Amino acid sequence: MARALLFLVIIGLAVYALADIATSDERTRRGLPKGAWLLIALVPVAGPVAWILVSRAQRAGGGGGAPGTAGPGGPRRSGPLAPDDDPDFLWRLEQERKRREREARGDGSHPADGDVPDGDPRG
């Protein structure tokens, strides 16, 4: 029973590492090609453990990643965290609100103050 459990743990670890390598980016792989990591991950126990340690250290900001990707407070995303933090989304939302107001008033021919229907007022 113990041997079967150990075998399943080893297989599970290898499958996890292979799937993680397949979806990783070049920065996480620390310069080694994906194929090399796939071969390393096939070494029982040591390969998957090596991948997990290397990739987790990189994701935690422990390696010289690209600027703006990780910092002392944890990983930083390049885009907004939520739609209400996205200026383009908020601008489109405001344009939609103004359009609905015009339609409700029945004067769709005159744009509201500051409304530019064909262009982006932000530049």
PDB file of N, CA and C in Angstrom:
ATOM      1  N   MET A   1       0.822  -1.196   0.000  1.00  0.00           N
ATOM      2  CA  MET A   1       0.000   0.000   0.000  1.00  0.00           C
ATOM      3  C   MET A   1       0.867   1.261   0.000  1.00  0.00           C
ATOM      4  N   ALA A   2       1.913   1.259   0.822  1.00  0.00           N
ATOM      5  CA  ALA A   2       2.799   2.418   0.902  1.00  0.00           C
ATOM      6  C   ALA A   2       3.540   2.633  -0.413  1.00  0.00           C
ATOM      7  N   ARG A   3       3.932   1.535  -1.070  1.00  0.00           N
ATOM      8  CA  ARG A   3       4.624   1.652  -2.346  1.00  0.00           C
ATOM      9  C   ARG A   3       3.713   2.258  -3.414  1.00  0.00           C
ATOM     10  N   ALA A   4       2.472   1.843  -3.406  1.00  0.00           N
ATOM     11  CA  ALA A   4       1.514   2.376  -4.379  1.00  0.00           C
ATOM     12  C   ALA A   4       1.296   3.866  -4.148  1.00  0.00           C
ATOM     13  N   LEU A   5       1.190   4.276  -2.894  1.00  0.00           N
ATOM     14  CA  LEU A   5       1.007   5.688  -2.573  1.00  0.00           C
ATOM     15  C   LEU A   5       2.237   6.497  -2.988  1.00  0.00           C
ATOM     16  N   LEU A   6       3.421   5.975  -2.706  1.00  0.00           N
ATOM     17  CA  LEU A   6       4.653   6.653  -3.105  1.00  0.00           C
ATOM     18  C   LEU A   6       4.717   6.783  -4.631  1.00  0.00           C
ATOM     19  N   PHE A   7       4.358   5.736  -5.340  1.00  0.00           N
ATOM     20  CA  PHE A   7       4.337   5.758  -6.802  1.00  0.00           C
ATOM     21  C   PHE A   7       3.366   6.829  -7.309  1.00  0.00           C
ATOM     22  N   LEU A   8       2.185   6.915  -6.710  1.00  0.00           N
ATOM     23  CA  LEU A   8       1.193   7.912  -7.119  1.00  0.00           C
ATOM     24  C   LEU A   8       1.673   9.336  -6.835  1.00  0.00           C
ATOM     25  N   VAL A   9       2.356   9.524  -5.725  1.00  0.00           N
ATOM     26  CA  VAL A   9       2.887  10.849  -5.396  1.00  0.00           C
ATOM     27  C   VAL A   9       3.947  11.264  -6.412  1.00  0.00           C
ATOM     28  N   ILE A  10       4.828  10.337  -6.778  1.00  0.00           N
ATOM     29  CA  ILE A  10       5.872  10.630  -7.759  1.00  0.00           C
ATOM     30  C   ILE A  10       5.254  10.964  -9.116  1.00  0.00           C
ATOM     31  N   ILE A  11       4.274  10.188  -9.538  1.00  0.00           N
ATOM     32  CA  ILE A  11       3.601  10.452 -10.819  1.00  0.00           C
ATOM     33  C   ILE A  11       2.869  11.797 -10.769  1.00  0.00           C
ATOM     34  N   GLY A  12       2.166  12.046  -9.687  1.00  0.00           N
ATOM     35  CA  GLY A  12       1.441  13.310  -9.543  1.00  0.00           C
ATOM     36  C   GLY A  12       2.373  14.512  -9.575  1.00  0.00           C
ATOM     37  N   LEU A  13       3.499  14.400  -8.908  1.00  0.00           N
ATOM     38  CA  LEU A  13       4.484  15.471  -8.900  1.00  0.00           C
ATOM     39  C   LEU A  13       5.017  15.729 -10.310  1.00  0.00           C
ATOM     40  N   ALA A  14       5.301  14.664 -11.040  1.00  0.00           N
ATOM     41  CA  ALA A  14       5.804  14.805 -12.412  1.00  0.00           C
ATOM     42  C   ALA A  14       4.740  15.425 -13.323  1.00  0.00           C
ATOM     43  N   VAL A  15       3.508  14.997 -13.199  1.00  0.00           N
ATOM     44  CA  VAL A  15       2.429  15.545 -14.036  1.00  0.00           C
ATOM     45  C   VAL A  15       2.233  17.032 -13.740  1.00  0.00           C
ATOM     46  N   TYR A  16       2.247  17.381 -12.458  1.00  0.00           N
ATOM     47  CA  TYR A  16       2.099  18.795 -12.086  1.00  0.00           C
ATOM     48  C   TYR A  16       3.237  19.626 -12.686  1.00  0.00           C
ATOM     49  N   ALA A  17       4.473  19.154 -12.520  1.00  0.00           N
ATOM     50  CA  ALA A  17       5.624  19.894 -13.033  1.00  0.00           C
ATOM     51  C   ALA A  17       5.562  20.023 -14.553  1.00  0.00           C
ATOM     52  N   LEU A  18       5.214  18.954 -15.252  1.00  0.00           N
ATOM     53  CA  LEU A  18       5.134  19.008 -16.715  1.00  0.00           C
ATOM     54  C   LEU A  18       4.065  19.996 -17.174  1.00  0.00           C
ATOM     55  N   ALA A  19       2.913  19.988 -16.517  1.00  0.00           N
ATOM     56  CA  ALA A  19       1.849  20.931 -16.885  1.00  0.00           C
ATOM     57  C   ALA A  19       2.266  22.368 -16.588  1.00  0.00           C
ATOM     58  N   ASP A  20       2.932  22.586 -15.468  1.00  0.00           N
ATOM     59  CA  ASP A  20       3.379  23.924 -15.103  1.00  0.00           C
ATOM     60  C   ASP A  20       4.451  24.421 -16.075  1.00  0.00           C
ATOM     61  N   ILE A  21       5.352  23.551 -16.464  1.00  0.00           N
ATOM     62  CA  ILE A  21       6.390  23.923 -17.431  1.00  0.00           C
ATOM     63  C   ILE A  21       5.757  24.269 -18.775  1.00  0.00           C
ATOM     64  N   ALA A  22       4.791  23.495 -19.185  1.00  0.00           N
ATOM     65  CA  ALA A  22       4.144  23.718 -20.480  1.00  0.00           C
ATOM     66  C   ALA A  22       3.461  25.076 -20.555  1.00  0.00           C
ATOM     67  N   THR A  23       2.995  25.601 -19.420  1.00  0.00           N
ATOM     68  CA  THR A  23       2.287  26.884 -19.412  1.00  0.00           C
ATOM     69  C   THR A  23       3.157  28.030 -18.915  1.00  0.00           C
ATOM     70  N   SER A  24       4.433  27.782 -18.679  1.00  0.00           N
ATOM     71  CA  SER A  24       5.305  28.817 -18.116  1.00  0.00           C
ATOM     72  C   SER A  24       5.813  29.762 -19.204  1.00  0.00           C
ATOM     73  N   ASP A  25       6.267  30.933 -18.758  1.00  0.00           N
ATOM     74  CA  ASP A  25       6.886  31.867 -19.690  1.00  0.00           C
ATOM     75  C   ASP A  25       8.407  31.760 -19.571  1.00  0.00           C
ATOM     76  N   GLU A  26       9.110  32.406 -20.478  1.00  0.00           N
ATOM     77  CA  GLU A  26      10.564  32.265 -20.544  1.00  0.00           C
ATOM     78  C   GLU A  26      11.247  32.789 -19.289  1.00  0.00           C
ATOM     79  N   ARG A  27      10.722  33.846 -18.703  1.00  0.00           N
ATOM     80  CA  ARG A  27      11.311  34.416 -17.489  1.00  0.00           C
ATOM     81  C   ARG A  27      11.275  33.416 -16.341  1.00  0.00           C
ATOM     82  N   THR A  28      10.169  32.692 -16.215  1.00  0.00           N
ATOM     83  CA  THR A  28      10.031  31.718 -15.142  1.00  0.00           C
ATOM     84  C   THR A  28      10.993  30.553 -15.337  1.00  0.00           C
ATOM     85  N   ARG A  29      11.294  30.225 -16.579  1.00  0.00           N
ATOM     86  CA  ARG A  29      12.180  29.095 -16.865  1.00  0.00           C
ATOM     87  C   ARG A  29      13.645  29.448 -16.689  1.00  0.00           C
ATOM     88  N   ARG A  30      13.951  30.673 -16.342  1.00  0.00           N
ATOM     89  CA  ARG A  30      15.315  31.124 -16.069  1.00  0.00           C
ATOM     90  C   ARG A  30      16.278  30.878 -17.217  1.00  0.00           C
ATOM     91  N   GLY A  31      15.829  31.110 -18.426  1.00  0.00           N
ATOM     92  CA  GLY A  31      16.710  31.039 -19.578  1.00  0.00           C
ATOM     93  C   GLY A  31      16.867  29.661 -20.209  1.00  0.00           C
ATOM     94  N   LEU A  32      16.446  28.607 -19.527  1.00  0.00           N
ATOM     95  CA  LEU A  32      16.523  27.283 -20.128  1.00  0.00           C
ATOM     96  C   LEU A  32      15.339  27.090 -21.067  1.00  0.00           C
ATOM     97  N   PRO A  33      15.544  26.442 -22.191  1.00  0.00           N
ATOM     98  CA  PRO A  33      14.411  26.195 -23.090  1.00  0.00           C
ATOM     99  C   PRO A  33      13.389  25.250 -22.456  1.00  0.00           C
ATOM    100  N   LYS A  34      12.179  25.355 -22.931  1.00  0.00           N
ATOM    101  CA  LYS A  34      11.093  24.536 -22.399  1.00  0.00           C
ATOM    102  C   LYS A  34      11.408  23.045 -22.502  1.00  0.00           C
ATOM    103  N   GLY A  35      11.997  22.627 -23.610  1.00  0.00           N
ATOM    104  CA  GLY A  35      12.343  21.218 -23.802  1.00  0.00           C
ATOM    105  C   GLY A  35      13.311  20.702 -22.752  1.00  0.00           C
ATOM    106  N   ALA A  36      14.282  21.531 -22.369  1.00  0.00           N
ATOM    107  CA  ALA A  36      15.241  21.114 -21.338  1.00  0.00           C
ATOM    108  C   ALA A  36      14.538  20.909 -20.004  1.00  0.00           C
ATOM    109  N   TRP A  37      13.636  21.817 -19.663  1.00  0.00           N
ATOM    110  CA  TRP A  37      12.899  21.660 -18.395  1.00  0.00           C
ATOM    111  C   TRP A  37      11.999  20.432 -18.439  1.00  0.00           C
ATOM    112  N   LEU A  38      11.422  20.153 -19.605  1.00  0.00           N
ATOM    113  CA  LEU A  38      10.581  18.956 -19.710  1.00  0.00           C
ATOM    114  C   LEU A  38      11.394  17.697 -19.455  1.00  0.00           C
ATOM    115  N   LEU A  39      12.613  17.652 -19.985  1.00  0.00           N
ATOM    116  CA  LEU A  39      13.488  16.503 -19.721  1.00  0.00           C
ATOM    117  C   LEU A  39      13.896  16.427 -18.250  1.00  0.00           C
ATOM    118  N   ILE A  40      14.205  17.580 -17.663  1.00  0.00           N
ATOM    119  CA  ILE A  40      14.578  17.606 -16.249  1.00  0.00           C
ATOM    120  C   ILE A  40      13.421  17.114 -15.388  1.00  0.00           C
ATOM    121  N   ALA A  41      12.209  17.502 -15.737  1.00  0.00           N
ATOM    122  CA  ALA A  41      11.042  17.124 -14.943  1.00  0.00           C
ATOM    123  C   ALA A  41      10.762  15.628 -15.001  1.00  0.00           C
ATOM    124  N   LEU A  42      11.286  14.953 -16.019  1.00  0.00           N
ATOM    125  CA  LEU A  42      11.074  13.513 -16.126  1.00  0.00           C
ATOM    126  C   LEU A  42      11.991  12.707 -15.204  1.00  0.00           C
ATOM    127  N   VAL A  43      13.007  13.332 -14.624  1.00  0.00           N
ATOM    128  CA  VAL A  43      13.862  12.657 -13.636  1.00  0.00           C
ATOM    129  C   VAL A  43      13.022  12.482 -12.376  1.00  0.00           C
ATOM    130  N   PRO A  44      12.832  11.268 -11.909  1.00  0.00           N
ATOM    131  CA  PRO A  44      11.943  11.040 -10.766  1.00  0.00           C
ATOM    132  C   PRO A  44      12.322  11.880  -9.541  1.00  0.00           C
ATOM    133  N   VAL A  45      11.361  12.498  -8.965  1.00  0.00           N
ATOM    134  CA  VAL A  45      11.388  13.311  -7.751  1.00  0.00           C
ATOM    135  C   VAL A  45      12.290  14.541  -7.888  1.00  0.00           C
ATOM    136  N   ALA A  46      13.572  14.370  -8.187  1.00  0.00           N
ATOM    137  CA  ALA A  46      14.501  15.500  -8.222  1.00  0.00           C
ATOM    138  C   ALA A  46      14.131  16.518  -9.301  1.00  0.00           C
ATOM    139  N   GLY A  47      13.720  16.070 -10.465  1.00  0.00           N
ATOM    140  CA  GLY A  47      13.357  16.982 -11.554  1.00  0.00           C
ATOM    141  C   GLY A  47      12.174  17.877 -11.210  1.00  0.00           C
ATOM    142  N   PRO A  48      11.035  17.278 -10.825  1.00  0.00           N
ATOM    143  CA  PRO A  48       9.891  18.123 -10.463  1.00  0.00           C
ATOM    144  C   PRO A  48      10.174  19.037  -9.273  1.00  0.00           C
ATOM    145  N   VAL A  49      10.913  18.540  -8.286  1.00  0.00           N
ATOM    146  CA  VAL A  49      11.238  19.365  -7.121  1.00  0.00           C
ATOM    147  C   VAL A  49      12.115  20.539  -7.558  1.00  0.00           C
ATOM    148  N   ALA A  50      13.085  20.287  -8.441  1.00  0.00           N
ATOM    149  CA  ALA A  50      13.937  21.374  -8.935  1.00  0.00           C
ATOM    150  C   ALA A  50      13.098  22.424  -9.656  1.00  0.00           C
ATOM    151  N   TRP A  51      12.170  21.983 -10.514  1.00  0.00           N
ATOM    152  CA  TRP A  51      11.304  22.930 -11.228  1.00  0.00           C
ATOM    153  C   TRP A  51      10.468  23.752 -10.253  1.00  0.00           C
ATOM    154  N   ILE A  52       9.865  23.093  -9.291  1.00  0.00           N
ATOM    155  CA  ILE A  52       9.000  23.799  -8.342  1.00  0.00           C
ATOM    156  C   ILE A  52       9.803  24.837  -7.566  1.00  0.00           C
ATOM    157  N   LEU A  53      10.983  24.478  -7.111  1.00  0.00           N
ATOM    158  CA  LEU A  53      11.806  25.433  -6.356  1.00  0.00           C
ATOM    159  C   LEU A  53      12.232  26.617  -7.226  1.00  0.00           C
ATOM    160  N   VAL A  54      12.663  26.355  -8.437  1.00  0.00           N
ATOM    161  CA  VAL A  54      13.099  27.427  -9.334  1.00  0.00           C
ATOM    162  C   VAL A  54      11.932  28.325  -9.719  1.00  0.00           C
ATOM    163  N   SER A  55      10.814  27.736 -10.099  1.00  0.00           N
ATOM    164  CA  SER A  55       9.688  28.554 -10.559  1.00  0.00           C
ATOM    165  C   SER A  55       9.057  29.338  -9.424  1.00  0.00           C
ATOM    166  N   ARG A  56       8.973  28.765  -8.244  1.00  0.00           N
ATOM    167  CA  ARG A  56       8.387  29.490  -7.105  1.00  0.00           C
ATOM    168  C   ARG A  56       9.288  30.635  -6.669  1.00  0.00           C
ATOM    169  N   ALA A  57      10.592  30.424  -6.700  1.00  0.00           N
ATOM    170  CA  ALA A  57      11.516  31.504  -6.341  1.00  0.00           C
ATOM    171  C   ALA A  57      11.387  32.651  -7.334  1.00  0.00           C
ATOM    172  N   GLN A  58      11.236  32.326  -8.620  1.00  0.00           N
ATOM    173  CA  GLN A  58      11.091  33.355  -9.643  1.00  0.00           C
ATOM    174  C   GLN A  58       9.769  34.100  -9.492  1.00  0.00           C
ATOM    175  N   ARG A  59       8.691  33.368  -9.254  1.00  0.00           N
ATOM    176  CA  ARG A  59       7.368  34.000  -9.120  1.00  0.00           C
ATOM    177  C   ARG A  59       7.270  34.851  -7.869  1.00  0.00           C
ATOM    178  N   ALA A  60       8.041  34.522  -6.844  1.00  0.00           N
ATOM    179  CA  ALA A  60       8.024  35.303  -5.612  1.00  0.00           C
ATOM    180  C   ALA A  60       8.895  36.546  -5.724  1.00  0.00           C
ATOM    181  N   GLY A  61       9.554  36.736  -6.863  1.00  0.00           N
ATOM    182  CA  GLY A  61      10.383  37.919  -7.052  1.00  0.00           C
ATOM    183  C   GLY A  61      11.816  37.679  -6.644  1.00  0.00           C
ATOM    184  N   GLY A  62      12.225  36.435  -6.478  1.00  0.00           N
ATOM    185  CA  GLY A  62      13.563  36.118  -6.027  1.00  0.00           C
ATOM    186  C   GLY A  62      14.605  36.170  -7.111  1.00  0.00           C
ATOM    187  N   GLY A  63      14.226  36.307  -8.362  1.00  0.00           N
ATOM    188  CA  GLY A  63      15.208  36.340  -9.445  1.00  0.00           C
ATOM    189  C   GLY A  63      15.049  37.605 -10.234  1.00  0.00           C
ATOM    190  N   GLY A  64      16.104  38.003 -10.914  1.00  0.00           N
ATOM    191  CA  GLY A  64      16.086  39.249 -11.665  1.00  0.00           C
ATOM    192  C   GLY A  64      15.131  39.202 -12.833  1.00  0.00           C
ATOM    193  N   GLY A  65      13.873  39.374 -12.590  1.00  0.00           N
ATOM    194  CA  GLY A  65      12.878  39.365 -13.657  1.00  0.00           C
ATOM    195  C   GLY A  65      12.834  40.688 -14.378  1.00  0.00           C
ATOM    196  N   ALA A  66      11.913  40.805 -15.267  1.00  0.00           N
ATOM    197  CA  ALA A  66      11.768  42.036 -16.026  1.00  0.00           C
ATOM    198  C   ALA A  66      11.292  43.154 -15.109  1.00  0.00           C
ATOM    199  N   PRO A  67      11.677  44.399 -15.395  1.00  0.00           N
ATOM    200  CA  PRO A  67      11.243  45.512 -14.560  1.00  0.00           C
ATOM    201  C   PRO A  67       9.729  45.633 -14.535  1.00  0.00           C
ATOM    202  N   GLY A  68       9.204  45.899 -13.364  1.00  0.00           N
ATOM    203  CA  GLY A  68       7.771  46.087 -13.208  1.00  0.00           C
ATOM    204  C   GLY A  68       6.979  44.812 -13.080  1.00  0.00           C
ATOM    205  N   THR A  69       7.651  43.656 -12.982  1.00  0.00           N
ATOM    206  CA  THR A  69       6.913  42.410 -12.884  1.00  0.00           C
ATOM    207  C   THR A  69       6.767  41.934 -11.457  1.00  0.00           C
ATOM    208  N   ALA A  70       7.697  42.273 -10.595  1.00  0.00           N
ATOM    209  CA  ALA A  70       7.591  41.866  -9.200  1.00  0.00           C
ATOM    210  C   ALA A  70       8.290  42.899  -8.345  1.00  0.00           C
ATOM    211  N   GLY A  71       7.830  43.032  -7.151  1.00  0.00           N
ATOM    212  CA  GLY A  71       8.436  43.989  -6.236  1.00  0.00           C
ATOM    213  C   GLY A  71       8.327  43.493  -4.820  1.00  0.00           C
ATOM    214  N   PRO A  72       8.703  44.335  -3.869  1.00  0.00           N
ATOM    215  CA  PRO A  72       8.672  43.922  -2.470  1.00  0.00           C
ATOM    216  C   PRO A  72       7.276  43.554  -1.988  1.00  0.00           C
ATOM    217  N   GLY A  73       6.255  44.158  -2.559  1.00  0.00           N
ATOM    218  CA  GLY A  73       4.892  43.871  -2.141  1.00  0.00           C
ATOM    219  C   GLY A  73       4.275  42.683  -2.851  1.00  0.00           C
ATOM    220  N   GLY A  74       5.031  42.002  -3.689  1.00  0.00           N
ATOM    221  CA  GLY A  74       4.500  40.866  -4.429  1.00  0.00           C
ATOM    222  C   GLY A  74       4.441  41.176  -5.909  1.00  0.00           C
ATOM    223  N   PRO A  75       3.898  40.254  -6.681  1.00  0.00           N
ATOM    224  CA  PRO A  75       3.836  40.458  -8.126  1.00  0.00           C
ATOM    225  C   PRO A  75       2.951  41.638  -8.497  1.00  0.00           C
ATOM    226  N   ARG A  76       3.377  42.381  -9.520  1.00  0.00           N
ATOM    227  CA  ARG A  76       2.558  43.476 -10.033  1.00  0.00           C
ATOM    228  C   ARG A  76       2.096  43.127 -11.425  1.00  0.00           C
ATOM    229  N   ARG A  77       0.879  43.401 -11.711  1.00  0.00           N
ATOM    230  CA  ARG A  77       0.339  43.141 -13.041  1.00  0.00           C
ATOM    231  C   ARG A  77       0.561  44.362 -13.906  1.00  0.00           C
ATOM    232  N   SER A  78       0.659  44.125 -15.197  1.00  0.00           N
ATOM    233  CA  SER A  78       0.909  45.232 -16.106  1.00  0.00           C
ATOM    234  C   SER A  78      -0.359  46.035 -16.392  1.00  0.00           C
ATOM    235  N   GLY A  79      -1.528  45.439 -16.245  1.00  0.00           N
ATOM    236  CA  GLY A  79      -2.779  46.120 -16.534  1.00  0.00           C
ATOM    237  C   GLY A  79      -3.564  46.411 -15.268  1.00  0.00           C
ATOM    238  N   PRO A  80      -4.723  47.011 -15.429  1.00  0.00           N
ATOM    239  CA  PRO A  80      -5.574  47.302 -14.275  1.00  0.00           C
ATOM    240  C   PRO A  80      -6.032  46.022 -13.586  1.00  0.00           C
ATOM    241  N   LEU A  81      -6.305  46.127 -12.302  1.00  0.00           N
ATOM    242  CA  LEU A  81      -6.740  44.967 -11.546  1.00  0.00           C
ATOM    243  C   LEU A  81      -8.220  44.679 -11.739  1.00  0.00           C
ATOM    244  N   ALA A  82      -9.003  45.694 -11.975  1.00  0.00           N
ATOM    245  CA  ALA A  82     -10.444  45.517 -12.113  1.00  0.00           C
ATOM    246  C   ALA A  82     -10.949  46.480 -13.192  1.00  0.00           C
ATOM    247  N   PRO A  83     -12.121  46.200 -13.779  1.00  0.00           N
ATOM    248  CA  PRO A  83     -12.632  47.093 -14.829  1.00  0.00           C
ATOM    249  C   PRO A  83     -12.823  48.528 -14.363  1.00  0.00           C
ATOM    250  N   ASP A  84     -13.184  48.725 -13.101  1.00  0.00           N
ATOM    251  CA  ASP A  84     -13.397  50.091 -12.643  1.00  0.00           C
ATOM    252  C   ASP A  84     -12.088  50.841 -12.413  1.00  0.00           C
ATOM    253  N   ASP A  85     -10.940  50.185 -12.577  1.00  0.00           N
ATOM    254  CA  ASP A  85      -9.643  50.843 -12.516  1.00  0.00           C
ATOM    255  C   ASP A  85      -9.090  51.118 -13.910  1.00  0.00           C
ATOM    256  N   ASP A  86      -9.779  50.663 -14.942  1.00  0.00           N
ATOM    257  CA  ASP A  86      -9.317  50.797 -16.317  1.00  0.00           C
ATOM    258  C   ASP A  86      -9.873  52.088 -16.916  1.00  0.00           C
ATOM    259  N   PRO A  87      -9.019  53.069 -17.263  1.00  0.00           N
ATOM    260  CA  PRO A  87      -9.532  54.338 -17.798  1.00  0.00           C
ATOM    261  C   PRO A  87     -10.292  54.171 -19.110  1.00  0.00           C
ATOM    262  N   ASP A  88      -9.860  53.237 -19.966  1.00  0.00           N
ATOM    263  CA  ASP A  88     -10.580  53.021 -21.229  1.00  0.00           C
ATOM    264  C   ASP A  88     -11.987  52.483 -20.975  1.00  0.00           C
ATOM    265  N   PHE A  89     -12.097  51.547 -20.037  1.00  0.00           N
ATOM    266  CA  PHE A  89     -13.405  50.998 -19.703  1.00  0.00           C
ATOM    267  C   PHE A  89     -14.312  52.090 -19.142  1.00  0.00           C
ATOM    268  N   LEU A  90     -13.779  52.908 -18.246  1.00  0.00           N
ATOM    269  CA  LEU A  90     -14.591  53.973 -17.644  1.00  0.00           C
ATOM    270  C   LEU A  90     -15.014  54.984 -18.700  1.00  0.00           C
ATOM    271  N   TRP A  91     -14.130  55.303 -19.656  1.00  0.00           N
ATOM    272  CA  TRP A  91     -14.485  56.240 -20.718  1.00  0.00           C
ATOM    273  C   TRP A  91     -15.615  55.679 -21.575  1.00  0.00           C
ATOM    274  N   ARG A  92     -15.487  54.391 -21.966  1.00  0.00           N
ATOM    275  CA  ARG A  92     -16.547  53.766 -22.763  1.00  0.00           C
ATOM    276  C   ARG A  92     -17.865  53.707 -21.993  1.00  0.00           C
ATOM    277  N   LEU A  93     -17.784  53.440 -20.706  1.00  0.00           N
ATOM    278  CA  LEU A  93     -18.980  53.396 -19.872  1.00  0.00           C
ATOM    279  C   LEU A  93     -19.665  54.762 -19.832  1.00  0.00           C
ATOM    280  N   GLU A  94     -18.867  55.822 -19.704  1.00  0.00           N
ATOM    281  CA  GLU A  94     -19.416  57.178 -19.687  1.00  0.00           C
ATOM    282  C   GLU A  94     -20.050  57.522 -21.032  1.00  0.00           C
ATOM    283  N   GLN A  95     -19.409  57.121 -22.135  1.00  0.00           N
ATOM    284  CA  GLN A  95     -19.970  57.375 -23.453  1.00  0.00           C
ATOM    285  C   GLN A  95     -21.307  56.654 -23.632  1.00  0.00           C
ATOM    286  N   GLU A  96     -21.377  55.431 -23.153  1.00  0.00           N
ATOM    287  CA  GLU A  96     -22.626  54.671 -23.235  1.00  0.00           C
ATOM    288  C   GLU A  96     -23.725  55.328 -22.406  1.00  0.00           C
ATOM    289  N   ARG A  97     -23.365  55.825 -21.215  1.00  0.00           N
ATOM    290  CA  ARG A  97     -24.346  56.503 -20.366  1.00  0.00           C
ATOM    291  C   ARG A  97     -24.871  57.753 -21.052  1.00  0.00           C
ATOM    292  N   LYS A  98     -23.980  58.540 -21.667  1.00  0.00           N
ATOM    293  CA  LYS A  98     -24.396  59.761 -22.357  1.00  0.00           C
ATOM    294  C   LYS A  98     -25.284  59.438 -23.553  1.00  0.00           C
ATOM    295  N   ARG A  99     -24.947  58.362 -24.280  1.00  0.00           N
ATOM    296  CA  ARG A  99     -25.757  57.966 -25.425  1.00  0.00           C
ATOM    297  C   ARG A  99     -27.173  57.593 -24.984  1.00  0.00           C
ATOM    298  N   ARG A 100     -27.261  56.856 -23.893  1.00  0.00           N
ATOM    299  CA  ARG A 100     -28.594  56.476 -23.395  1.00  0.00           C
ATOM    300  C   ARG A 100     -29.393  57.682 -22.928  1.00  0.00           C
ATOM    301  N   GLU A 101     -28.716  58.657 -22.322  1.00  0.00           N
ATOM    302  CA  GLU A 101     -29.415  59.881 -21.906  1.00  0.00           C
ATOM    303  C   GLU A 101     -29.962  60.626 -23.113  1.00  0.00           C
ATOM    304  N   ARG A 102     -29.142  60.716 -24.177  1.00  0.00           N
ATOM    305  CA  ARG A 102     -29.606  61.388 -25.398  1.00  0.00           C
ATOM    306  C   ARG A 102     -30.811  60.679 -25.988  1.00  0.00           C
ATOM    307  N   GLU A 103     -30.769  59.356 -26.011  1.00  0.00           N
ATOM    308  CA  GLU A 103     -31.889  58.597 -26.565  1.00  0.00           C
ATOM    309  C   GLU A 103     -33.143  58.773 -25.723  1.00  0.00           C
ATOM    310  N   ALA A 104     -32.974  58.841 -24.403  1.00  0.00           N
ATOM    311  CA  ALA A 104     -34.124  59.018 -23.514  1.00  0.00           C
ATOM    312  C   ALA A 104     -34.738  60.405 -23.686  1.00  0.00           C
ATOM    313  N   ARG A 105     -33.893  61.421 -23.952  1.00  0.00           N
ATOM    314  CA  ARG A 105     -34.394  62.776 -24.160  1.00  0.00           C
ATOM    315  C   ARG A 105     -35.013  62.924 -25.542  1.00  0.00           C
ATOM    316  N   GLY A 106     -34.623  62.062 -26.449  1.00  0.00           N
ATOM    317  CA  GLY A 106     -35.179  62.125 -27.800  1.00  0.00           C
ATOM    318  C   GLY A 106     -34.451  63.074 -28.718  1.00  0.00           C
ATOM    319  N   ASP A 107     -33.293  63.583 -28.303  1.00  0.00           N
ATOM    320  CA  ASP A 107     -32.552  64.507 -29.165  1.00  0.00           C
ATOM    321  C   ASP A 107     -31.186  63.909 -29.508  1.00  0.00           C
ATOM    322  N   GLY A 108     -31.189  62.787 -30.171  1.00  0.00           N
ATOM    323  CA  GLY A 108     -29.966  62.080 -30.511  1.00  0.00           C
ATOM    324  C   GLY A 108     -29.047  62.831 -31.457  1.00  0.00           C
ATOM    325  N   SER A 109     -29.488  63.984 -32.000  1.00  0.00           N
ATOM    326  CA  SER A 109     -28.655  64.699 -32.955  1.00  0.00           C
ATOM    327  C   SER A 109     -27.639  65.624 -32.294  1.00  0.00           C
ATOM    328  N   HIS A 110     -27.837  66.000 -31.022  1.00  0.00           N
ATOM    329  CA  HIS A 110     -26.932  66.929 -30.346  1.00  0.00           C
ATOM    330  C   HIS A 110     -26.201  66.204 -29.217  1.00  0.00           C
ATOM    331  N   PRO A 111     -24.867  66.102 -29.316  1.00  0.00           N
ATOM    332  CA  PRO A 111     -24.135  65.442 -28.237  1.00  0.00           C
ATOM    333  C   PRO A 111     -24.141  66.287 -26.972  1.00  0.00           C
ATOM    334  N   ALA A 112     -24.047  65.627 -25.846  1.00  0.00           N
ATOM    335  CA  ALA A 112     -24.007  66.319 -24.563  1.00  0.00           C
ATOM    336  C   ALA A 112     -22.670  67.029 -24.419  1.00  0.00           C
ATOM    337  N   ASP A 113     -22.564  67.947 -23.417  1.00  0.00           N
ATOM    338  CA  ASP A 113     -21.325  68.685 -23.191  1.00  0.00           C
ATOM    339  C   ASP A 113     -20.166  67.740 -22.948  1.00  0.00           C
ATOM    340  N   GLY A 114     -19.086  67.953 -23.665  1.00  0.00           N
ATOM    341  CA  GLY A 114     -17.888  67.136 -23.486  1.00  0.00           C
ATOM    342  C   GLY A 114     -17.958  65.788 -24.172  1.00  0.00           C
ATOM    343  N   ASP A 115     -19.057  65.489 -24.824  1.00  0.00           N
ATOM    344  CA  ASP A 115     -19.208  64.181 -25.478  1.00  0.00           C
ATOM    345  C   ASP A 115     -18.695  64.288 -26.907  1.00  0.00           C
ATOM    346  N   VAL A 116     -17.792  63.412 -27.264  1.00  0.00           N
ATOM    347  CA  VAL A 116     -17.263  63.348 -28.619  1.00  0.00           C
ATOM    348  C   VAL A 116     -17.595  61.974 -29.151  1.00  0.00           C
ATOM    349  N   PRO A 117     -18.672  61.824 -29.915  1.00  0.00           N
ATOM    350  CA  PRO A 117     -19.122  60.497 -30.308  1.00  0.00           C
ATOM    351  C   PRO A 117     -18.163  59.754 -31.228  1.00  0.00           C
ATOM    352  N   ASP A 118     -17.382  60.452 -32.075  1.00  0.00           N
ATOM    353  CA  ASP A 118     -16.541  59.752 -33.043  1.00  0.00           C
ATOM    354  C   ASP A 118     -15.077  59.668 -32.638  1.00  0.00           C
ATOM    355  N   GLY A 119     -14.702  60.269 -31.540  1.00  0.00           N
ATOM    356  CA  GLY A 119     -13.287  60.293 -31.191  1.00  0.00           C
ATOM    357  C   GLY A 119     -13.074  60.098 -29.705  1.00  0.00           C
ATOM    358  N   ASP A 120     -11.839  59.953 -29.369  1.00  0.00           N
ATOM    359  CA  ASP A 120     -11.456  59.771 -27.988  1.00  0.00           C
ATOM    360  C   ASP A 120     -10.929  61.078 -27.448  1.00  0.00           C
ATOM    361  N   PRO A 121     -11.589  61.721 -26.474  1.00  0.00           N
ATOM    362  CA  PRO A 121     -11.160  63.030 -25.978  1.00  0.00           C
ATOM    363  C   PRO A 121      -9.841  62.939 -25.187  1.00  0.00           C
ATOM    364  N   ARG A 122      -9.395  61.738 -24.888  1.00  0.00           N
ATOM    365  CA  ARG A 122      -8.166  61.600 -24.093  1.00  0.00           C
ATOM    366  C   ARG A 122      -6.917  61.722 -24.944  1.00  0.00           C
ATOM    367  N   GLY A 123      -7.050  61.789 -26.227  1.00  0.00           N
ATOM    368  CA  GLY A 123      -5.853  61.978 -27.036  1.00  0.00           C
ATOM    369  C   GLY A 123      -5.691  60.921 -27.972  1.00  0.00           C
TER     370      GLY A 123
END
